[in-house]
Amino acid sequence: MKIEPSAADLLDIARTAILADVAPALPEAQRYAALMAANALAIAGRELAAPDTARMEIARIAALLGDGAPAGDDTAALRQGTARLAARIREGRFDEGASRERLLEHLRETTRERLAVSNPKALTREPRKTP
């Protein structure tokens, strides 16, 4: 099994080449497409390097539902679990008390995990003040 460079490393190398060598040489109209490709490579690299967030989210959903983990591969289980959780939220099962706090913590953690992949800079920004 090949260890170095990893898939995440290769994506980073490609992204660096696009940003340093390709994008600056392109006309303005095509530079945007190159920057978007570089951003997609960065997201893919962070997703590869991230811990198994889908399984952690599935486990949190199973704990909230209290009736076992959703079945299937990670994508199917996450989709199924999220749908079941949404149905129970609509039923009002998480409207107050400890169940509400557990749901809010799950939503916060899920948001942090997803932002860490899609837009990690958002995690370091000052929170917006709500009116």
N, C-alpha and C. Protein backbone atom coordinates (compact mmCIF):
# COMPACT_ATOMS: atom_id res chain seq x y z
N MET A 1 0.84 -1.18 0.00
CA MET A 1 0.00 0.00 0.00
C MET A 1 0.89 1.24 0.00
N LYS A 2 0.54 2.16 -0.85
CA LYS A 2 1.29 3.41 -0.96
C LYS A 2 0.90 4.34 0.18
N ILE A 3 1.88 4.92 0.85
CA ILE A 3 1.60 5.79 1.98
C ILE A 3 1.75 7.25 1.60
N GLU A 4 2.81 7.60 0.89
CA GLU A 4 3.07 8.99 0.55
C GLU A 4 3.17 9.17 -0.95
N PRO A 5 2.69 10.19 -1.54
CA PRO A 5 1.79 11.16 -0.94
C PRO A 5 0.37 10.59 -0.86
N SER A 6 -0.36 11.05 0.12
CA SER A 6 -1.74 10.60 0.31
C SER A 6 -2.64 11.27 -0.73
N ALA A 7 -3.87 10.82 -0.81
CA ALA A 7 -4.83 11.44 -1.73
C ALA A 7 -5.03 12.90 -1.37
N ALA A 8 -5.11 13.21 -0.08
CA ALA A 8 -5.26 14.60 0.36
C ALA A 8 -4.04 15.43 -0.04
N ASP A 9 -2.85 14.83 0.07
CA ASP A 9 -1.63 15.54 -0.36
C ASP A 9 -1.65 15.82 -1.85
N LEU A 10 -2.08 14.85 -2.64
CA LEU A 10 -2.14 15.04 -4.09
C LEU A 10 -3.13 16.14 -4.47
N LEU A 11 -4.25 16.18 -3.79
CA LEU A 11 -5.22 17.24 -4.05
C LEU A 11 -4.64 18.60 -3.70
N ASP A 12 -3.89 18.66 -2.60
CA ASP A 12 -3.26 19.92 -2.21
C ASP A 12 -2.20 20.36 -3.21
N ILE A 13 -1.44 19.41 -3.73
CA ILE A 13 -0.43 19.72 -4.75
C ILE A 13 -1.10 20.27 -6.00
N ALA A 14 -2.19 19.63 -6.43
CA ALA A 14 -2.92 20.11 -7.60
C ALA A 14 -3.50 21.50 -7.37
N ARG A 15 -4.06 21.71 -6.19
CA ARG A 15 -4.64 23.01 -5.85
C ARG A 15 -3.57 24.10 -5.86
N THR A 16 -2.42 23.81 -5.28
CA THR A 16 -1.32 24.77 -5.24
C THR A 16 -0.86 25.12 -6.66
N ALA A 17 -0.76 24.11 -7.52
CA ALA A 17 -0.35 24.35 -8.91
C ALA A 17 -1.36 25.23 -9.64
N ILE A 18 -2.64 24.97 -9.43
CA ILE A 18 -3.67 25.79 -10.07
C ILE A 18 -3.57 27.24 -9.60
N LEU A 19 -3.44 27.42 -8.29
CA LEU A 19 -3.40 28.78 -7.74
C LEU A 19 -2.12 29.53 -8.11
N ALA A 20 -0.98 28.83 -8.12
CA ALA A 20 0.30 29.50 -8.34
C ALA A 20 0.65 29.63 -9.82
N ASP A 21 0.33 28.61 -10.61
CA ASP A 21 0.81 28.59 -11.99
C ASP A 21 -0.28 28.79 -13.05
N VAL A 22 -1.42 28.18 -12.84
CA VAL A 22 -2.45 28.19 -13.88
C VAL A 22 -3.32 29.44 -13.80
N ALA A 23 -3.94 29.68 -12.66
CA ALA A 23 -4.89 30.79 -12.54
C ALA A 23 -4.29 32.15 -12.90
N PRO A 24 -3.09 32.49 -12.44
CA PRO A 24 -2.54 33.80 -12.80
C PRO A 24 -2.31 33.99 -14.30
N ALA A 25 -2.11 32.90 -15.03
CA ALA A 25 -1.85 33.00 -16.47
C ALA A 25 -3.12 33.04 -17.30
N LEU A 26 -4.25 32.83 -16.68
CA LEU A 26 -5.52 32.79 -17.43
C LEU A 26 -6.13 34.18 -17.57
N PRO A 27 -6.88 34.36 -18.66
CA PRO A 27 -7.66 35.61 -18.77
C PRO A 27 -8.69 35.66 -17.65
N GLU A 28 -9.11 36.85 -17.30
CA GLU A 28 -10.04 37.07 -16.18
C GLU A 28 -11.27 36.17 -16.26
N ALA A 29 -11.83 36.00 -17.45
CA ALA A 29 -13.06 35.21 -17.62
C ALA A 29 -12.85 33.75 -17.21
N GLN A 30 -11.66 33.21 -17.42
CA GLN A 30 -11.41 31.81 -17.08
C GLN A 30 -10.76 31.64 -15.71
N ARG A 31 -10.24 32.70 -15.16
CA ARG A 31 -9.59 32.62 -13.85
C ARG A 31 -10.59 32.19 -12.77
N TYR A 32 -11.82 32.69 -12.86
CA TYR A 32 -12.84 32.34 -11.87
C TYR A 32 -13.05 30.82 -11.84
N ALA A 33 -13.13 30.20 -13.04
CA ALA A 33 -13.33 28.74 -13.10
C ALA A 33 -12.15 28.01 -12.45
N ALA A 34 -10.94 28.50 -12.67
CA ALA A 34 -9.76 27.87 -12.06
C ALA A 34 -9.79 28.02 -10.54
N LEU A 35 -10.21 29.17 -10.05
CA LEU A 35 -10.30 29.38 -8.60
C LEU A 35 -11.38 28.50 -7.99
N MET A 36 -12.49 28.32 -8.70
CA MET A 36 -13.54 27.42 -8.20
C MET A 36 -13.04 25.98 -8.16
N ALA A 37 -12.27 25.56 -9.17
CA ALA A 37 -11.70 24.21 -9.18
C ALA A 37 -10.73 24.04 -8.01
N ALA A 38 -9.91 25.06 -7.76
CA ALA A 38 -8.98 25.00 -6.63
C ALA A 38 -9.72 24.90 -5.31
N ASN A 39 -10.83 25.62 -5.17
CA ASN A 39 -11.64 25.55 -3.96
C ASN A 39 -12.25 24.16 -3.79
N ALA A 40 -12.73 23.58 -4.89
CA ALA A 40 -13.30 22.23 -4.83
C ALA A 40 -12.23 21.21 -4.41
N LEU A 41 -11.02 21.38 -4.89
CA LEU A 41 -9.92 20.49 -4.49
C LEU A 41 -9.62 20.63 -3.01
N ALA A 42 -9.67 21.85 -2.50
CA ALA A 42 -9.43 22.08 -1.07
C ALA A 42 -10.50 21.39 -0.22
N ILE A 43 -11.75 21.51 -0.63
CA ILE A 43 -12.85 20.87 0.10
C ILE A 43 -12.69 19.35 0.07
N ALA A 44 -12.39 18.80 -1.11
CA ALA A 44 -12.20 17.35 -1.22
C ALA A 44 -11.04 16.87 -0.35
N GLY A 45 -9.97 17.64 -0.31
CA GLY A 45 -8.83 17.28 0.53
C GLY A 45 -9.17 17.28 2.00
N ARG A 46 -9.92 18.30 2.43
CA ARG A 46 -10.33 18.35 3.85
C ARG A 46 -11.27 17.21 4.18
N GLU A 47 -12.14 16.85 3.24
CA GLU A 47 -13.08 15.75 3.49
C GLU A 47 -12.32 14.43 3.63
N LEU A 48 -11.32 14.22 2.80
CA LEU A 48 -10.51 13.00 2.91
C LEU A 48 -9.74 12.94 4.22
N ALA A 49 -9.27 14.09 4.67
CA ALA A 49 -8.45 14.14 5.88
C ALA A 49 -9.28 14.17 7.16
N ALA A 50 -10.57 14.44 7.03
CA ALA A 50 -11.44 14.57 8.21
C ALA A 50 -11.68 13.20 8.85
N PRO A 51 -11.93 13.21 10.14
CA PRO A 51 -12.33 11.95 10.79
C PRO A 51 -13.66 11.49 10.20
N ASP A 52 -14.06 10.32 10.55
CA ASP A 52 -15.28 9.73 10.00
C ASP A 52 -16.52 10.44 10.54
N THR A 53 -16.76 11.64 10.04
CA THR A 53 -17.84 12.47 10.58
C THR A 53 -19.21 11.90 10.29
N ALA A 54 -19.38 11.22 9.15
CA ALA A 54 -20.70 10.66 8.85
C ALA A 54 -21.10 9.63 9.90
N ARG A 55 -20.18 8.76 10.26
CA ARG A 55 -20.51 7.75 11.27
C ARG A 55 -20.75 8.37 12.64
N MET A 56 -20.01 9.43 12.96
CA MET A 56 -20.23 10.12 14.24
C MET A 56 -21.61 10.77 14.25
N GLU A 57 -22.00 11.37 13.12
CA GLU A 57 -23.33 11.98 13.03
C GLU A 57 -24.42 10.92 13.13
N ILE A 58 -24.23 9.80 12.47
CA ILE A 58 -25.21 8.70 12.54
C ILE A 58 -25.36 8.22 13.98
N ALA A 59 -24.25 8.11 14.69
CA ALA A 59 -24.30 7.67 16.10
C ALA A 59 -25.05 8.69 16.95
N ARG A 60 -24.82 9.98 16.71
CA ARG A 60 -25.54 11.00 17.49
C ARG A 60 -27.04 10.94 17.19
N ILE A 61 -27.39 10.75 15.93
CA ILE A 61 -28.81 10.66 15.56
C ILE A 61 -29.44 9.43 16.21
N ALA A 62 -28.74 8.31 16.19
CA ALA A 62 -29.25 7.09 16.82
C ALA A 62 -29.49 7.31 18.30
N ALA A 63 -28.57 8.02 18.95
CA ALA A 63 -28.74 8.30 20.38
C ALA A 63 -29.96 9.19 20.62
N LEU A 64 -30.17 10.15 19.75
CA LEU A 64 -31.35 11.03 19.89
C LEU A 64 -32.63 10.26 19.65
N LEU A 65 -32.64 9.38 18.65
CA LEU A 65 -33.85 8.62 18.33
C LEU A 65 -34.13 7.56 19.39
N GLY A 66 -33.07 6.97 19.94
CA GLY A 66 -33.25 5.99 20.99
C GLY A 66 -33.79 4.65 20.54
N ASP A 67 -33.81 4.40 19.25
CA ASP A 67 -34.35 3.12 18.79
C ASP A 67 -33.44 2.44 17.76
N GLY A 68 -32.15 2.60 17.94
CA GLY A 68 -31.19 1.91 17.07
C GLY A 68 -30.69 2.78 15.94
N ALA A 69 -29.53 2.39 15.43
CA ALA A 69 -28.91 3.12 14.33
C ALA A 69 -29.63 2.85 13.03
N PRO A 70 -29.71 3.84 12.17
CA PRO A 70 -30.30 3.63 10.84
C PRO A 70 -29.49 2.59 10.07
N ALA A 71 -30.12 1.89 9.17
CA ALA A 71 -29.47 0.82 8.41
C ALA A 71 -28.89 1.34 7.10
N GLY A 72 -27.97 0.56 6.52
CA GLY A 72 -27.43 0.87 5.20
C GLY A 72 -26.03 1.43 5.27
N ASP A 73 -25.50 1.77 4.09
CA ASP A 73 -24.18 2.40 4.04
C ASP A 73 -24.30 3.79 4.67
N ASP A 74 -23.16 4.45 4.84
CA ASP A 74 -23.17 5.73 5.55
C ASP A 74 -24.13 6.75 4.93
N THR A 75 -24.14 6.84 3.60
CA THR A 75 -25.01 7.82 2.94
C THR A 75 -26.48 7.50 3.18
N ALA A 76 -26.86 6.24 2.99
CA ALA A 76 -28.25 5.84 3.19
C ALA A 76 -28.64 5.95 4.66
N ALA A 77 -27.76 5.54 5.55
CA ALA A 77 -28.06 5.60 6.98
C ALA A 77 -28.21 7.05 7.44
N LEU A 78 -27.37 7.93 6.95
CA LEU A 78 -27.46 9.34 7.33
C LEU A 78 -28.74 9.95 6.79
N ARG A 79 -29.08 9.63 5.55
CA ARG A 79 -30.32 10.16 4.96
C ARG A 79 -31.53 9.65 5.74
N GLN A 80 -31.55 8.35 6.03
CA GLN A 80 -32.68 7.75 6.76
C GLN A 80 -32.77 8.31 8.18
N GLY A 81 -31.64 8.37 8.87
CA GLY A 81 -31.65 8.88 10.23
C GLY A 81 -32.07 10.33 10.31
N THR A 82 -31.60 11.14 9.37
CA THR A 82 -31.97 12.55 9.34
C THR A 82 -33.47 12.71 9.08
N ALA A 83 -34.01 11.90 8.19
CA ALA A 83 -35.45 11.96 7.90
C ALA A 83 -36.27 11.57 9.14
N ARG A 84 -35.83 10.51 9.84
CA ARG A 84 -36.54 10.09 11.06
C ARG A 84 -36.44 11.16 12.14
N LEU A 85 -35.27 11.77 12.28
CA LEU A 85 -35.09 12.83 13.27
C LEU A 85 -35.97 14.03 12.93
N ALA A 86 -36.01 14.40 11.67
CA ALA A 86 -36.85 15.54 11.25
C ALA A 86 -38.33 15.27 11.55
N ALA A 87 -38.77 14.04 11.31
CA ALA A 87 -40.17 13.69 11.59
C ALA A 87 -40.47 13.84 13.08
N ARG A 88 -39.54 13.43 13.92
CA ARG A 88 -39.76 13.53 15.37
C ARG A 88 -39.69 14.98 15.84
N ILE A 89 -38.87 15.78 15.19
CA ILE A 89 -38.84 17.21 15.52
C ILE A 89 -40.20 17.82 15.18
N ARG A 90 -40.75 17.49 14.00
CA ARG A 90 -42.07 18.00 13.61
C ARG A 90 -43.16 17.55 14.57
N GLU A 91 -43.00 16.35 15.15
CA GLU A 91 -43.97 15.85 16.12
C GLU A 91 -43.87 16.58 17.46
N GLY A 92 -42.82 17.35 17.65
CA GLY A 92 -42.65 18.10 18.90
C GLY A 92 -41.89 17.36 19.98
N ARG A 93 -41.21 16.28 19.63
CA ARG A 93 -40.52 15.47 20.64
C ARG A 93 -39.26 16.11 21.21
N PHE A 94 -38.82 17.21 20.60
CA PHE A 94 -37.60 17.87 21.05
C PHE A 94 -37.87 19.34 21.39
N ASP A 95 -39.08 19.63 21.77
CA ASP A 95 -39.47 21.02 21.99
C ASP A 95 -38.95 21.62 23.29
N GLU A 96 -38.68 20.79 24.28
CA GLU A 96 -38.26 21.36 25.56
C GLU A 96 -37.42 20.38 26.36
N GLY A 97 -36.82 20.90 27.42
CA GLY A 97 -36.09 20.07 28.37
C GLY A 97 -34.78 19.53 27.84
N ALA A 98 -34.37 18.41 28.44
CA ALA A 98 -33.08 17.79 28.12
C ALA A 98 -33.04 17.31 26.68
N SER A 99 -34.16 16.83 26.15
CA SER A 99 -34.16 16.35 24.76
C SER A 99 -33.87 17.51 23.80
N ARG A 100 -34.39 18.68 24.11
CA ARG A 100 -34.13 19.87 23.28
C ARG A 100 -32.64 20.23 23.33
N GLU A 101 -32.05 20.19 24.50
CA GLU A 101 -30.63 20.52 24.65
C GLU A 101 -29.75 19.52 23.90
N ARG A 102 -30.12 18.22 23.96
CA ARG A 102 -29.36 17.20 23.23
C ARG A 102 -29.46 17.42 21.73
N LEU A 103 -30.66 17.77 21.25
CA LEU A 103 -30.85 18.06 19.83
C LEU A 103 -30.01 19.27 19.41
N LEU A 104 -30.06 20.33 20.19
CA LEU A 104 -29.29 21.53 19.84
C LEU A 104 -27.79 21.25 19.82
N GLU A 105 -27.30 20.44 20.75
CA GLU A 105 -25.88 20.10 20.75
C GLU A 105 -25.52 19.27 19.52
N HIS A 106 -26.41 18.35 19.13
CA HIS A 106 -26.19 17.57 17.91
C HIS A 106 -26.13 18.50 16.69
N LEU A 107 -27.04 19.45 16.60
CA LEU A 107 -27.06 20.37 15.47
C LEU A 107 -25.82 21.26 15.44
N ARG A 108 -25.38 21.71 16.61
CA ARG A 108 -24.15 22.51 16.67
C ARG A 108 -22.95 21.70 16.20
N GLU A 109 -22.83 20.48 16.70
CA GLU A 109 -21.69 19.63 16.35
C GLU A 109 -21.71 19.28 14.86
N THR A 110 -22.87 18.97 14.33
CA THR A 110 -22.99 18.67 12.91
C THR A 110 -22.58 19.87 12.08
N THR A 111 -23.02 21.04 12.47
CA THR A 111 -22.65 22.26 11.75
C THR A 111 -21.15 22.50 11.81
N ARG A 112 -20.55 22.32 13.00
CA ARG A 112 -19.09 22.49 13.12
C ARG A 112 -18.35 21.50 12.22
N GLU A 113 -18.77 20.24 12.22
CA GLU A 113 -18.10 19.22 11.40
C GLU A 113 -18.20 19.55 9.91
N ARG A 114 -19.36 19.97 9.48
CA ARG A 114 -19.55 20.27 8.06
C ARG A 114 -18.80 21.54 7.65
N LEU A 115 -18.79 22.54 8.52
CA LEU A 115 -18.02 23.76 8.22
C LEU A 115 -16.52 23.49 8.19
N ALA A 116 -16.06 22.59 9.03
CA ALA A 116 -14.63 22.26 9.04
C ALA A 116 -14.18 21.73 7.68
N VAL A 117 -15.09 21.15 6.93
CA VAL A 117 -14.77 20.65 5.59
C VAL A 117 -15.06 21.72 4.53
N SER A 118 -16.24 22.29 4.55
CA SER A 118 -16.65 23.18 3.47
C SER A 118 -16.12 24.60 3.59
N ASN A 119 -15.98 25.12 4.81
CA ASN A 119 -15.56 26.51 4.99
C ASN A 119 -14.96 26.71 6.38
N PRO A 120 -13.77 26.18 6.63
CA PRO A 120 -13.19 26.25 7.97
C PRO A 120 -12.97 27.67 8.49
N LYS A 121 -12.82 28.63 7.60
CA LYS A 121 -12.64 30.02 8.05
C LYS A 121 -13.86 30.52 8.80
N ALA A 122 -15.03 29.99 8.47
CA ALA A 122 -16.25 30.41 9.15
C ALA A 122 -16.23 30.05 10.64
N LEU A 123 -15.46 29.02 11.00
CA LEU A 123 -15.38 28.61 12.40
C LEU A 123 -14.56 29.59 13.24
N THR A 124 -13.72 30.39 12.60
CA THR A 124 -12.88 31.31 13.34
C THR A 124 -13.43 32.73 13.37
N ARG A 125 -14.51 32.97 12.67
CA ARG A 125 -15.12 34.30 12.64
C ARG A 125 -15.84 34.60 13.94
N GLU A 126 -15.92 35.88 14.22
CA GLU A 126 -16.71 36.32 15.36
C GLU A 126 -18.18 36.02 15.10
N PRO A 127 -18.90 35.52 16.08
CA PRO A 127 -20.34 35.24 15.86
C PRO A 127 -21.08 36.53 15.62
N ARG A 128 -22.09 36.44 14.76
CA ARG A 128 -22.94 37.59 14.49
C ARG A 128 -23.83 37.86 15.69
N LYS A 129 -24.06 39.12 15.93
CA LYS A 129 -24.98 39.49 17.00
C LYS A 129 -26.37 39.57 16.41
N THR A 130 -27.30 38.88 17.07
CA THR A 130 -28.68 38.90 16.60
C THR A 130 -29.40 40.07 17.24
N PRO A 131 -30.26 40.70 16.47
CA PRO A 131 -30.98 41.86 17.01
C PRO A 131 -31.97 41.49 18.08
